[in-house]
N, C-alpha and C. Protein backbone atom coordinates (compact mmCIF):
# COMPACT_ATOMS: atom_id res chain seq x y z
N MET A 1 32.95 -13.01 -31.12
CA MET A 1 33.26 -12.30 -29.92
C MET A 1 32.80 -13.13 -28.67
N PRO A 2 33.63 -13.46 -27.76
CA PRO A 2 33.27 -14.25 -26.57
C PRO A 2 32.31 -13.54 -25.63
N ALA A 3 31.57 -14.26 -24.85
CA ALA A 3 30.55 -13.66 -24.00
C ALA A 3 31.20 -12.91 -22.81
N THR A 4 32.50 -13.02 -22.62
CA THR A 4 33.16 -12.37 -21.54
C THR A 4 34.11 -11.24 -22.05
N SER A 5 33.93 -10.75 -23.25
CA SER A 5 34.80 -9.66 -23.76
C SER A 5 34.56 -8.40 -22.99
N PRO A 6 35.56 -7.52 -22.93
CA PRO A 6 35.39 -6.24 -22.28
C PRO A 6 34.26 -5.40 -22.92
N ALA A 7 34.12 -5.51 -24.24
CA ALA A 7 33.07 -4.79 -24.87
C ALA A 7 31.66 -5.20 -24.39
N ILE A 8 31.52 -6.46 -24.37
CA ILE A 8 30.23 -6.99 -23.86
C ILE A 8 29.96 -6.64 -22.41
N GLU A 9 31.03 -6.68 -21.62
CA GLU A 9 30.84 -6.34 -20.18
C GLU A 9 30.45 -4.84 -20.09
N ASP A 10 31.00 -3.98 -20.91
CA ASP A 10 30.67 -2.60 -20.85
C ASP A 10 29.20 -2.42 -21.18
N TYR A 11 28.75 -3.09 -22.17
CA TYR A 11 27.31 -3.06 -22.57
C TYR A 11 26.42 -3.51 -21.46
N LEU A 12 26.77 -4.69 -20.83
CA LEU A 12 25.96 -5.27 -19.78
C LEU A 12 25.90 -4.25 -18.54
N LYS A 13 27.02 -3.71 -18.21
CA LYS A 13 27.07 -2.84 -17.10
C LYS A 13 26.24 -1.60 -17.33
N THR A 14 26.22 -1.06 -18.51
CA THR A 14 25.44 0.12 -18.90
C THR A 14 23.99 -0.12 -18.88
N VAL A 15 23.60 -1.26 -19.38
CA VAL A 15 22.17 -1.59 -19.36
C VAL A 15 21.65 -1.76 -17.90
N TYR A 16 22.47 -2.46 -17.06
CA TYR A 16 22.10 -2.65 -15.69
C TYR A 16 22.01 -1.31 -14.96
N ALA A 17 23.03 -0.49 -15.12
CA ALA A 17 23.08 0.81 -14.41
C ALA A 17 21.88 1.71 -14.71
N HIS A 18 21.39 1.55 -16.02
CA HIS A 18 20.38 2.49 -16.47
C HIS A 18 19.07 2.25 -15.58
N THR A 19 18.80 1.09 -15.17
CA THR A 19 17.59 0.84 -14.40
C THR A 19 17.83 0.66 -12.94
N GLU A 20 19.03 0.94 -12.45
CA GLU A 20 19.32 0.79 -11.05
C GLU A 20 18.61 1.78 -10.15
N TRP A 21 18.47 3.03 -10.68
CA TRP A 21 17.84 4.07 -9.92
C TRP A 21 16.61 4.63 -10.51
N GLN A 22 16.05 4.04 -11.56
CA GLN A 22 14.82 4.39 -12.11
C GLN A 22 14.24 3.22 -12.87
N PRO A 23 12.91 3.16 -13.14
CA PRO A 23 12.31 1.87 -13.62
C PRO A 23 12.32 1.66 -15.09
N ASP A 24 12.51 2.71 -15.94
CA ASP A 24 12.31 2.54 -17.37
C ASP A 24 13.47 1.77 -18.04
N PRO A 25 13.26 0.77 -18.86
CA PRO A 25 14.34 0.03 -19.52
C PRO A 25 15.00 0.94 -20.54
N ILE A 26 16.22 0.55 -20.91
CA ILE A 26 16.99 1.39 -21.82
C ILE A 26 16.65 1.03 -23.23
N THR A 27 16.64 2.05 -24.08
CA THR A 27 16.38 1.86 -25.52
C THR A 27 17.77 1.75 -26.24
N PRO A 28 17.80 1.13 -27.42
CA PRO A 28 19.08 1.07 -28.11
C PRO A 28 19.73 2.46 -28.36
N LYS A 29 18.85 3.44 -28.67
CA LYS A 29 19.39 4.81 -28.87
C LYS A 29 20.06 5.38 -27.64
N ALA A 30 19.38 5.21 -26.49
CA ALA A 30 19.83 5.64 -25.22
C ALA A 30 21.23 4.93 -24.94
N LEU A 31 21.25 3.68 -25.21
CA LEU A 31 22.47 2.88 -24.94
C LEU A 31 23.63 3.38 -25.79
N ALA A 32 23.31 3.70 -27.11
CA ALA A 32 24.32 4.27 -28.00
C ALA A 32 24.91 5.61 -27.42
N ASP A 33 23.93 6.49 -26.95
CA ASP A 33 24.31 7.71 -26.44
C ASP A 33 25.17 7.59 -25.21
N LYS A 34 24.84 6.65 -24.33
CA LYS A 34 25.60 6.48 -23.09
C LYS A 34 27.03 5.98 -23.38
N LEU A 35 27.13 5.12 -24.36
CA LEU A 35 28.43 4.48 -24.66
C LEU A 35 29.23 5.29 -25.68
N GLY A 36 28.56 6.28 -26.33
CA GLY A 36 29.28 7.13 -27.31
C GLY A 36 29.63 6.38 -28.56
N VAL A 37 28.74 5.47 -28.98
CA VAL A 37 28.89 4.69 -30.21
C VAL A 37 27.79 4.91 -31.16
N ALA A 38 27.97 4.46 -32.41
CA ALA A 38 26.95 4.65 -33.42
C ALA A 38 25.84 3.67 -33.14
N PRO A 39 24.54 4.02 -33.44
CA PRO A 39 23.44 3.10 -33.27
C PRO A 39 23.66 1.78 -34.01
N SER A 40 24.34 1.81 -35.16
CA SER A 40 24.54 0.59 -35.92
C SER A 40 25.48 -0.41 -35.10
N SER A 41 26.41 0.18 -34.30
CA SER A 41 27.28 -0.66 -33.47
C SER A 41 26.46 -1.33 -32.40
N VAL A 42 25.51 -0.61 -31.82
CA VAL A 42 24.63 -1.18 -30.77
C VAL A 42 23.82 -2.32 -31.36
N THR A 43 23.27 -2.08 -32.58
CA THR A 43 22.45 -3.10 -33.24
C THR A 43 23.24 -4.42 -33.36
N GLU A 44 24.46 -4.32 -33.79
CA GLU A 44 25.25 -5.49 -34.08
C GLU A 44 25.58 -6.15 -32.70
N MET A 45 25.96 -5.36 -31.69
CA MET A 45 26.34 -5.97 -30.41
C MET A 45 25.13 -6.59 -29.70
N VAL A 46 23.98 -5.97 -29.87
CA VAL A 46 22.77 -6.56 -29.24
C VAL A 46 22.44 -7.87 -29.84
N LYS A 47 22.65 -8.05 -31.11
CA LYS A 47 22.45 -9.32 -31.76
C LYS A 47 23.44 -10.37 -31.17
N LYS A 48 24.63 -9.96 -30.95
CA LYS A 48 25.56 -11.01 -30.41
C LYS A 48 25.24 -11.30 -29.00
N MET A 49 24.85 -10.30 -28.21
CA MET A 49 24.53 -10.56 -26.81
C MET A 49 23.16 -11.41 -26.68
N ALA A 50 22.32 -11.15 -27.64
CA ALA A 50 21.07 -11.98 -27.56
C ALA A 50 21.42 -13.42 -27.97
N ALA A 51 22.35 -13.58 -28.93
CA ALA A 51 22.69 -14.94 -29.29
C ALA A 51 23.47 -15.69 -28.17
N ASN A 52 24.12 -14.89 -27.28
CA ASN A 52 24.79 -15.46 -26.15
C ASN A 52 23.85 -15.59 -24.94
N GLY A 53 22.59 -15.30 -25.14
CA GLY A 53 21.65 -15.44 -24.03
C GLY A 53 21.78 -14.39 -22.90
N LEU A 54 22.35 -13.22 -23.20
CA LEU A 54 22.62 -12.24 -22.20
C LEU A 54 21.53 -11.12 -22.19
N ILE A 55 20.77 -10.97 -23.22
CA ILE A 55 19.88 -9.91 -23.33
C ILE A 55 18.66 -10.26 -24.17
N SER A 56 17.50 -9.77 -23.79
CA SER A 56 16.33 -10.08 -24.62
C SER A 56 15.82 -8.76 -25.28
N HIS A 57 15.47 -8.86 -26.48
CA HIS A 57 15.19 -7.59 -27.29
C HIS A 57 14.33 -7.95 -28.47
N VAL A 58 13.30 -7.10 -28.64
CA VAL A 58 12.46 -7.18 -29.88
C VAL A 58 12.82 -5.96 -30.72
N PRO A 59 12.71 -6.07 -32.04
CA PRO A 59 13.08 -4.93 -32.89
C PRO A 59 12.37 -3.68 -32.44
N TYR A 60 13.13 -2.53 -32.34
CA TYR A 60 12.67 -1.20 -31.96
C TYR A 60 12.18 -1.12 -30.51
N GLY A 61 12.38 -2.22 -29.79
CA GLY A 61 11.91 -2.16 -28.34
C GLY A 61 13.06 -2.00 -27.38
N PRO A 62 12.74 -1.84 -26.13
CA PRO A 62 13.79 -1.65 -25.12
C PRO A 62 14.62 -2.88 -24.88
N LEU A 63 15.72 -2.76 -24.21
CA LEU A 63 16.63 -3.87 -23.95
C LEU A 63 16.44 -4.33 -22.47
N ARG A 64 16.45 -5.64 -22.24
CA ARG A 64 16.35 -6.16 -20.94
C ARG A 64 17.35 -7.30 -20.77
N LEU A 65 18.01 -7.28 -19.57
CA LEU A 65 18.94 -8.32 -19.33
C LEU A 65 18.24 -9.66 -18.97
N THR A 66 18.75 -10.76 -19.50
CA THR A 66 18.25 -12.07 -19.09
C THR A 66 18.88 -12.33 -17.65
N ASP A 67 18.48 -13.44 -17.09
CA ASP A 67 19.07 -13.80 -15.77
C ASP A 67 20.57 -13.99 -15.89
N ALA A 68 21.01 -14.61 -16.99
CA ALA A 68 22.46 -14.73 -17.22
C ALA A 68 23.14 -13.43 -17.45
N GLY A 69 22.48 -12.54 -18.20
CA GLY A 69 23.03 -11.25 -18.42
C GLY A 69 23.10 -10.40 -17.18
N ARG A 70 22.07 -10.46 -16.36
CA ARG A 70 22.14 -9.74 -15.07
C ARG A 70 23.25 -10.21 -14.15
N ALA A 71 23.40 -11.50 -14.09
CA ALA A 71 24.50 -12.08 -13.28
C ALA A 71 25.83 -11.62 -13.75
N ARG A 72 26.07 -11.61 -15.09
CA ARG A 72 27.32 -11.14 -15.61
C ARG A 72 27.52 -9.61 -15.34
N ALA A 73 26.41 -8.84 -15.57
CA ALA A 73 26.47 -7.39 -15.33
C ALA A 73 26.86 -7.11 -13.86
N LEU A 74 26.22 -7.85 -12.87
CA LEU A 74 26.52 -7.63 -11.47
C LEU A 74 27.97 -7.95 -11.16
N SER A 75 28.52 -8.92 -11.82
CA SER A 75 29.94 -9.27 -11.58
C SER A 75 30.84 -8.11 -12.04
N VAL A 76 30.52 -7.49 -13.13
CA VAL A 76 31.33 -6.36 -13.59
C VAL A 76 31.12 -5.12 -12.70
N VAL A 77 29.93 -4.84 -12.35
CA VAL A 77 29.59 -3.73 -11.47
C VAL A 77 30.32 -3.94 -10.06
N ARG A 78 30.31 -5.21 -9.59
CA ARG A 78 31.06 -5.51 -8.35
C ARG A 78 32.53 -5.13 -8.45
N ARG A 79 33.14 -5.53 -9.56
CA ARG A 79 34.54 -5.27 -9.78
C ARG A 79 34.76 -3.73 -9.81
N HIS A 80 33.95 -3.06 -10.61
CA HIS A 80 34.12 -1.61 -10.76
C HIS A 80 34.07 -0.85 -9.48
N ARG A 81 33.02 -1.19 -8.65
CA ARG A 81 32.79 -0.50 -7.43
C ARG A 81 33.81 -0.80 -6.37
N LEU A 82 34.20 -2.09 -6.31
CA LEU A 82 35.26 -2.42 -5.32
C LEU A 82 36.54 -1.77 -5.67
N ILE A 83 36.88 -1.66 -7.01
CA ILE A 83 38.07 -0.95 -7.39
C ILE A 83 38.00 0.52 -7.02
N GLU A 84 36.88 1.15 -7.27
CA GLU A 84 36.71 2.51 -6.86
C GLU A 84 37.00 2.74 -5.33
N THR A 85 36.35 1.88 -4.57
CA THR A 85 36.48 1.87 -3.13
C THR A 85 37.98 1.73 -2.70
N TRP A 86 38.59 0.82 -3.31
CA TRP A 86 40.03 0.54 -3.01
C TRP A 86 40.89 1.73 -3.33
N LEU A 87 40.67 2.31 -4.52
CA LEU A 87 41.46 3.49 -4.91
C LEU A 87 41.35 4.66 -3.97
N VAL A 88 40.12 4.88 -3.44
CA VAL A 88 39.92 5.93 -2.49
C VAL A 88 40.46 5.63 -1.12
N ALA A 89 40.22 4.37 -0.66
CA ALA A 89 40.62 3.96 0.67
C ALA A 89 42.09 3.79 0.88
N GLU A 90 42.79 3.36 -0.16
CA GLU A 90 44.13 2.93 0.05
C GLU A 90 45.17 3.51 -0.97
N MET A 91 44.67 4.11 -2.05
CA MET A 91 45.57 4.60 -3.05
C MET A 91 45.64 6.12 -3.13
N GLY A 92 44.92 6.78 -2.34
CA GLY A 92 44.96 8.26 -2.27
C GLY A 92 44.25 8.98 -3.32
N TYR A 93 43.33 8.29 -4.04
CA TYR A 93 42.46 8.94 -5.06
C TYR A 93 41.28 9.66 -4.34
N ALA A 94 40.92 10.81 -5.00
CA ALA A 94 39.69 11.49 -4.56
C ALA A 94 38.45 10.76 -5.27
N TRP A 95 37.26 10.90 -4.69
CA TRP A 95 36.12 10.26 -5.33
C TRP A 95 35.74 10.68 -6.72
N ASP A 96 36.25 11.87 -7.08
CA ASP A 96 35.97 12.32 -8.47
C ASP A 96 37.04 11.86 -9.42
N GLU A 97 38.03 11.08 -9.03
CA GLU A 97 39.13 10.67 -9.88
C GLU A 97 39.06 9.13 -10.14
N VAL A 98 38.18 8.44 -9.62
CA VAL A 98 38.29 7.00 -9.69
C VAL A 98 37.59 6.27 -10.82
N HIS A 99 36.62 6.91 -11.37
CA HIS A 99 35.69 6.25 -12.38
C HIS A 99 36.53 5.72 -13.56
N ASP A 100 37.29 6.61 -14.19
CA ASP A 100 38.04 6.19 -15.41
C ASP A 100 39.06 5.09 -15.09
N GLU A 101 39.74 5.22 -13.94
CA GLU A 101 40.69 4.17 -13.58
C GLU A 101 39.99 2.80 -13.42
N ALA A 102 38.78 2.83 -12.74
CA ALA A 102 38.11 1.53 -12.60
C ALA A 102 37.58 1.02 -13.89
N GLU A 103 37.27 1.81 -14.84
CA GLU A 103 36.78 1.39 -16.15
C GLU A 103 37.86 0.53 -16.82
N VAL A 104 39.15 0.88 -16.58
CA VAL A 104 40.24 0.10 -17.17
C VAL A 104 40.49 -1.18 -16.35
N LEU A 105 40.61 -1.00 -15.06
CA LEU A 105 41.00 -2.12 -14.18
C LEU A 105 39.97 -3.20 -14.04
N GLU A 106 38.72 -2.85 -14.20
CA GLU A 106 37.61 -3.87 -13.97
C GLU A 106 37.74 -5.01 -14.95
N HIS A 107 38.38 -4.79 -16.09
CA HIS A 107 38.49 -5.92 -17.06
C HIS A 107 39.80 -6.74 -16.93
N SER A 108 40.66 -6.33 -16.04
CA SER A 108 42.03 -6.99 -16.03
C SER A 108 42.34 -7.63 -14.63
N LEU A 109 41.62 -7.21 -13.54
CA LEU A 109 41.99 -7.79 -12.26
C LEU A 109 41.52 -9.27 -12.17
N SER A 110 42.38 -10.09 -11.60
CA SER A 110 42.00 -11.52 -11.42
C SER A 110 41.00 -11.62 -10.31
N ASP A 111 40.21 -12.64 -10.34
CA ASP A 111 39.26 -12.95 -9.23
C ASP A 111 39.99 -13.02 -7.87
N ARG A 112 41.17 -13.64 -7.84
CA ARG A 112 41.91 -13.75 -6.66
C ARG A 112 42.29 -12.37 -6.05
N LEU A 113 42.81 -11.49 -6.87
CA LEU A 113 43.16 -10.14 -6.39
C LEU A 113 41.89 -9.44 -5.98
N LEU A 114 40.76 -9.55 -6.67
CA LEU A 114 39.58 -8.82 -6.33
C LEU A 114 39.08 -9.32 -4.94
N GLU A 115 39.15 -10.59 -4.68
CA GLU A 115 38.77 -11.19 -3.41
C GLU A 115 39.65 -10.68 -2.26
N ALA A 116 40.98 -10.51 -2.58
CA ALA A 116 41.96 -9.99 -1.59
C ALA A 116 41.61 -8.51 -1.26
N ILE A 117 41.24 -7.76 -2.27
CA ILE A 117 40.86 -6.38 -2.11
C ILE A 117 39.62 -6.28 -1.21
N ASP A 118 38.62 -7.16 -1.56
CA ASP A 118 37.40 -7.08 -0.79
C ASP A 118 37.59 -7.46 0.72
N VAL A 119 38.42 -8.43 0.95
CA VAL A 119 38.75 -8.83 2.32
C VAL A 119 39.50 -7.71 3.05
N ARG A 120 40.47 -7.14 2.35
CA ARG A 120 41.27 -6.03 2.98
C ARG A 120 40.44 -4.87 3.39
N LEU A 121 39.42 -4.55 2.55
CA LEU A 121 38.58 -3.40 2.78
C LEU A 121 37.48 -3.73 3.81
N GLY A 122 37.35 -4.97 4.26
CA GLY A 122 36.35 -5.31 5.20
C GLY A 122 35.04 -5.62 4.54
N ARG A 123 35.01 -6.06 3.33
CA ARG A 123 33.90 -6.39 2.53
C ARG A 123 32.82 -5.27 2.57
N PRO A 124 33.22 -4.12 2.02
CA PRO A 124 32.28 -2.95 2.00
C PRO A 124 31.04 -3.24 1.13
N THR A 125 29.97 -2.66 1.49
CA THR A 125 28.64 -2.71 0.75
C THR A 125 28.33 -1.53 -0.09
N ARG A 126 29.01 -0.46 0.06
CA ARG A 126 28.86 0.78 -0.75
C ARG A 126 30.20 1.29 -1.26
N ASP A 127 30.14 1.90 -2.48
CA ASP A 127 31.35 2.52 -2.98
C ASP A 127 31.39 3.95 -2.52
N PRO A 128 32.48 4.72 -2.87
CA PRO A 128 32.54 6.10 -2.39
C PRO A 128 31.39 6.98 -2.71
N HIS A 129 30.70 6.71 -3.79
CA HIS A 129 29.52 7.53 -4.20
C HIS A 129 28.22 6.98 -3.67
N GLY A 130 28.22 5.91 -2.87
CA GLY A 130 27.02 5.39 -2.28
C GLY A 130 26.38 4.23 -3.08
N ASP A 131 26.92 4.00 -4.27
CA ASP A 131 26.31 2.87 -5.01
C ASP A 131 26.57 1.50 -4.34
N ALA A 132 25.60 0.68 -4.37
CA ALA A 132 25.71 -0.63 -3.71
C ALA A 132 26.70 -1.48 -4.42
N ILE A 133 27.59 -2.16 -3.69
CA ILE A 133 28.57 -3.14 -4.25
C ILE A 133 27.86 -4.58 -4.18
N PRO A 134 27.59 -5.11 -5.35
CA PRO A 134 26.97 -6.46 -5.29
C PRO A 134 27.90 -7.46 -4.57
N SER A 135 27.35 -8.42 -3.78
CA SER A 135 28.13 -9.42 -3.24
C SER A 135 28.57 -10.40 -4.26
N ALA A 136 29.49 -11.27 -3.91
CA ALA A 136 30.04 -12.19 -4.86
C ALA A 136 28.90 -13.22 -5.37
N SER A 137 27.84 -13.36 -4.59
CA SER A 137 26.75 -14.15 -4.99
C SER A 137 25.60 -13.35 -5.75
N GLY A 138 25.89 -12.09 -6.03
CA GLY A 138 24.97 -11.29 -6.77
C GLY A 138 23.83 -10.56 -6.00
N GLU A 139 23.90 -10.54 -4.70
CA GLU A 139 22.97 -9.83 -3.88
C GLU A 139 23.31 -8.34 -3.88
N VAL A 140 22.28 -7.46 -3.91
CA VAL A 140 22.45 -6.00 -3.93
C VAL A 140 21.59 -5.40 -2.87
N ALA A 141 22.18 -4.65 -1.96
CA ALA A 141 21.44 -3.97 -0.95
C ALA A 141 20.64 -2.83 -1.55
N SER A 142 19.44 -2.54 -1.06
CA SER A 142 18.64 -1.48 -1.55
C SER A 142 17.68 -0.93 -0.47
N GLU A 143 17.26 0.30 -0.60
CA GLU A 143 16.27 0.85 0.36
C GLU A 143 15.54 1.96 -0.41
N PRO A 144 14.30 2.27 0.09
CA PRO A 144 13.53 3.26 -0.65
C PRO A 144 14.24 4.63 -0.75
N PHE A 145 14.08 5.29 -1.85
CA PHE A 145 14.85 6.50 -2.16
C PHE A 145 14.00 7.49 -2.90
N VAL A 146 14.48 8.74 -2.93
CA VAL A 146 13.94 9.82 -3.76
C VAL A 146 15.01 10.72 -4.20
N LEU A 147 14.87 11.26 -5.41
CA LEU A 147 15.85 12.24 -5.87
C LEU A 147 15.70 13.49 -4.98
N LEU A 148 16.83 14.10 -4.64
CA LEU A 148 16.76 15.34 -3.84
C LEU A 148 15.93 16.41 -4.60
N SER A 149 16.11 16.53 -5.90
CA SER A 149 15.37 17.54 -6.68
C SER A 149 13.90 17.30 -6.67
N GLU A 150 13.46 16.11 -6.32
CA GLU A 150 12.02 15.76 -6.34
C GLU A 150 11.42 15.69 -4.90
N ALA A 151 12.29 15.88 -3.90
CA ALA A 151 11.83 15.71 -2.58
C ALA A 151 11.07 16.98 -2.15
N PRO A 152 9.96 16.78 -1.34
CA PRO A 152 9.14 17.93 -0.99
C PRO A 152 9.73 18.73 0.13
N THR A 153 9.29 19.96 0.31
CA THR A 153 9.73 20.76 1.39
C THR A 153 9.47 20.05 2.71
N ALA A 154 10.42 20.17 3.61
CA ALA A 154 10.35 19.57 4.95
C ALA A 154 10.78 18.09 4.89
N HIS A 155 11.15 17.60 3.75
CA HIS A 155 11.62 16.18 3.71
C HIS A 155 12.96 16.05 4.43
N VAL A 156 13.06 15.03 5.24
CA VAL A 156 14.34 14.72 5.92
C VAL A 156 14.85 13.39 5.38
N GLY A 157 16.01 13.35 4.89
CA GLY A 157 16.60 12.13 4.34
C GLY A 157 18.10 12.05 4.47
N ARG A 158 18.60 10.86 4.46
CA ARG A 158 20.03 10.61 4.54
C ARG A 158 20.54 10.41 3.08
N VAL A 159 21.62 11.02 2.70
CA VAL A 159 22.13 10.86 1.41
C VAL A 159 22.55 9.39 1.18
N ILE A 160 21.96 8.77 0.12
CA ILE A 160 22.28 7.34 -0.15
C ILE A 160 23.35 7.31 -1.25
N ARG A 161 23.15 8.11 -2.32
CA ARG A 161 23.98 8.00 -3.47
C ARG A 161 24.15 9.32 -4.13
N ILE A 162 25.31 9.53 -4.69
CA ILE A 162 25.56 10.77 -5.52
C ILE A 162 26.18 10.30 -6.82
N SER A 163 25.56 10.73 -7.94
CA SER A 163 26.05 10.32 -9.24
C SER A 163 27.46 10.73 -9.46
N ASP A 164 28.24 9.86 -10.11
CA ASP A 164 29.58 10.19 -10.37
C ASP A 164 29.80 10.63 -11.84
N ARG A 165 28.75 11.00 -12.60
CA ARG A 165 28.86 11.35 -13.96
C ARG A 165 29.54 12.66 -14.20
N ASP A 166 29.57 13.56 -13.24
CA ASP A 166 30.19 14.85 -13.34
C ASP A 166 31.17 15.11 -12.27
N PRO A 167 32.48 15.00 -12.56
CA PRO A 167 33.46 15.23 -11.50
C PRO A 167 33.38 16.62 -10.84
N GLU A 168 32.97 17.56 -11.59
CA GLU A 168 32.82 18.96 -10.96
C GLU A 168 31.78 19.04 -9.89
N VAL A 169 30.63 18.34 -10.15
CA VAL A 169 29.63 18.22 -9.13
C VAL A 169 30.10 17.54 -7.91
N LEU A 170 30.86 16.47 -8.05
CA LEU A 170 31.47 15.80 -6.93
C LEU A 170 32.42 16.71 -6.12
N ARG A 171 33.18 17.52 -6.88
CA ARG A 171 34.14 18.42 -6.17
C ARG A 171 33.33 19.45 -5.39
N GLU A 172 32.23 19.98 -6.02
CA GLU A 172 31.47 21.01 -5.31
C GLU A 172 30.88 20.44 -4.02
N LEU A 173 30.24 19.24 -4.18
CA LEU A 173 29.66 18.60 -3.04
C LEU A 173 30.66 18.32 -1.94
N GLU A 174 31.88 17.92 -2.34
CA GLU A 174 32.95 17.59 -1.43
C GLU A 174 33.27 18.89 -0.58
N ARG A 175 33.29 20.07 -1.29
CA ARG A 175 33.52 21.33 -0.60
C ARG A 175 32.42 21.62 0.40
N ARG A 176 31.19 21.21 0.01
CA ARG A 176 30.05 21.54 0.87
C ARG A 176 29.85 20.53 1.98
N GLY A 177 30.62 19.49 1.96
CA GLY A 177 30.53 18.44 3.02
C GLY A 177 29.32 17.52 2.81
N ILE A 178 28.87 17.41 1.57
CA ILE A 178 27.69 16.57 1.24
C ILE A 178 28.21 15.19 0.68
N ARG A 179 28.00 14.20 1.37
CA ARG A 179 28.47 12.88 1.00
C ARG A 179 27.40 11.84 1.36
N PRO A 180 27.52 10.61 0.92
CA PRO A 180 26.65 9.53 1.45
C PRO A 180 26.71 9.41 2.98
N GLY A 181 25.56 9.31 3.52
CA GLY A 181 25.44 9.27 5.01
C GLY A 181 25.07 10.57 5.65
N VAL A 182 25.22 11.69 4.95
CA VAL A 182 24.92 13.05 5.51
C VAL A 182 23.36 13.21 5.58
N GLU A 183 22.86 13.73 6.60
CA GLU A 183 21.37 14.03 6.74
C GLU A 183 21.11 15.43 6.08
N ILE A 184 20.07 15.44 5.29
CA ILE A 184 19.60 16.62 4.56
C ILE A 184 18.15 16.89 4.93
N VAL A 185 17.89 18.18 5.26
CA VAL A 185 16.55 18.65 5.40
C VAL A 185 16.20 19.66 4.32
N VAL A 186 15.16 19.39 3.57
CA VAL A 186 14.80 20.32 2.51
C VAL A 186 13.91 21.46 3.11
N THR A 187 14.43 22.62 3.08
CA THR A 187 13.72 23.78 3.62
C THR A 187 12.79 24.48 2.61
N ASP A 188 13.19 24.40 1.36
CA ASP A 188 12.33 24.97 0.24
C ASP A 188 12.59 24.20 -1.03
N ALA A 189 11.64 23.37 -1.43
CA ALA A 189 11.81 22.55 -2.58
C ALA A 189 11.33 23.20 -3.87
N ALA A 190 10.60 24.27 -3.72
CA ALA A 190 9.90 24.88 -4.93
C ALA A 190 10.83 25.82 -5.69
N GLY A 191 11.75 26.41 -5.04
CA GLY A 191 12.52 27.46 -5.67
C GLY A 191 13.74 26.98 -6.48
N GLU A 192 14.41 27.90 -7.04
CA GLU A 192 15.63 27.68 -7.76
C GLU A 192 16.63 28.68 -7.22
N PRO A 193 17.66 28.26 -6.45
CA PRO A 193 18.01 26.98 -6.19
C PRO A 193 17.16 26.29 -5.10
N VAL A 194 17.39 25.04 -4.89
CA VAL A 194 16.76 24.33 -3.74
C VAL A 194 17.49 24.77 -2.43
N THR A 195 16.77 25.08 -1.35
CA THR A 195 17.38 25.41 -0.13
C THR A 195 17.26 24.35 0.80
N LEU A 196 18.29 24.07 1.65
CA LEU A 196 18.28 22.92 2.52
C LEU A 196 19.24 23.14 3.67
N GLN A 197 19.24 22.21 4.57
CA GLN A 197 20.25 22.01 5.58
C GLN A 197 20.93 20.71 5.42
N ALA A 198 22.27 20.72 5.34
CA ALA A 198 23.03 19.49 5.23
C ALA A 198 23.98 19.43 6.42
N ALA A 199 23.89 18.36 7.14
CA ALA A 199 24.71 18.13 8.36
C ALA A 199 24.53 19.39 9.25
N GLY A 200 23.31 19.97 9.35
CA GLY A 200 23.02 21.01 10.21
C GLY A 200 23.39 22.42 9.69
N GLU A 201 23.97 22.50 8.53
CA GLU A 201 24.39 23.77 7.96
C GLU A 201 23.45 24.16 6.84
N ALA A 202 22.90 25.46 6.90
CA ALA A 202 21.99 25.89 5.87
C ALA A 202 22.82 26.14 4.52
N GLY A 203 22.10 25.93 3.48
CA GLY A 203 22.74 26.12 2.17
C GLY A 203 21.77 26.07 0.97
N GLU A 204 22.31 26.22 -0.19
CA GLU A 204 21.47 26.10 -1.42
C GLU A 204 22.22 25.22 -2.42
N LEU A 205 21.39 24.59 -3.27
CA LEU A 205 21.96 23.80 -4.38
C LEU A 205 21.15 24.08 -5.61
N ALA A 206 21.91 24.31 -6.72
CA ALA A 206 21.25 24.42 -7.97
C ALA A 206 20.46 23.10 -8.30
N ARG A 207 19.37 23.25 -8.94
CA ARG A 207 18.54 22.12 -9.14
C ARG A 207 19.22 21.00 -9.98
N ASP A 208 20.07 21.36 -10.88
CA ASP A 208 20.75 20.33 -11.64
C ASP A 208 21.74 19.57 -10.76
N VAL A 209 22.28 20.19 -9.71
CA VAL A 209 23.11 19.46 -8.78
C VAL A 209 22.24 18.56 -7.85
N ALA A 210 21.03 19.03 -7.49
CA ALA A 210 20.18 18.21 -6.68
C ALA A 210 19.70 17.02 -7.43
N THR A 211 19.67 17.03 -8.79
CA THR A 211 19.25 15.86 -9.47
C THR A 211 20.35 14.76 -9.43
N ALA A 212 21.50 15.05 -8.93
CA ALA A 212 22.60 14.09 -8.81
C ALA A 212 22.61 13.36 -7.48
N ILE A 213 21.67 13.70 -6.59
CA ILE A 213 21.70 13.26 -5.19
C ILE A 213 20.40 12.43 -4.93
N TRP A 214 20.66 11.24 -4.40
CA TRP A 214 19.46 10.39 -3.91
C TRP A 214 19.51 10.36 -2.37
N VAL A 215 18.34 10.54 -1.84
CA VAL A 215 18.19 10.45 -0.30
C VAL A 215 17.19 9.39 0.07
N THR A 216 17.24 9.05 1.28
CA THR A 216 16.21 8.05 1.75
C THR A 216 14.84 8.71 1.67
N ALA A 217 13.90 7.84 1.28
CA ALA A 217 12.49 8.33 1.06
C ALA A 217 11.82 8.61 2.40
């Protein structure tokens, strides 16, 4: 299996994404769960990726990308997030509809077309969900953040990122006007639901919804 196969790209992207918003490295079991594959499949793929110099791994230990693996992962992440941004900006997709399309297109777009999309969009640095779009040279913008569900009462922060794992959550937040860039003031962090002001409007969010929102620290 070549080092640039779609399967390897999916693995690299998943390993990278796991530590993008929290510090703990991914375990083989967690990787299998995220990809929906058998643990034995992960074991075999990890061996191939290690042989290709893309990942470092000790038996029963967590998985970490090598420098080469991280560079390749960032290339795939860049493709995915630029495609999502393009689909929303120019193709009429809603932000809860783009993930699956990008999963397919990220493996097939040429570098030339991707560059043309990047230029046409004005070289965006964030996708519709607030995730950073890596530059062509592998640079990733970041700033201090906190999960909204963990923010204390009276915390004031701007929404940086909203997880795209649950389209229904995205649709609910769309209805509430909560998007990246919106300012949120936590008025009561201890209760269930969390009470807050978003863009000046008072409201409530179930705690499981609040766990999908990252705000500036």
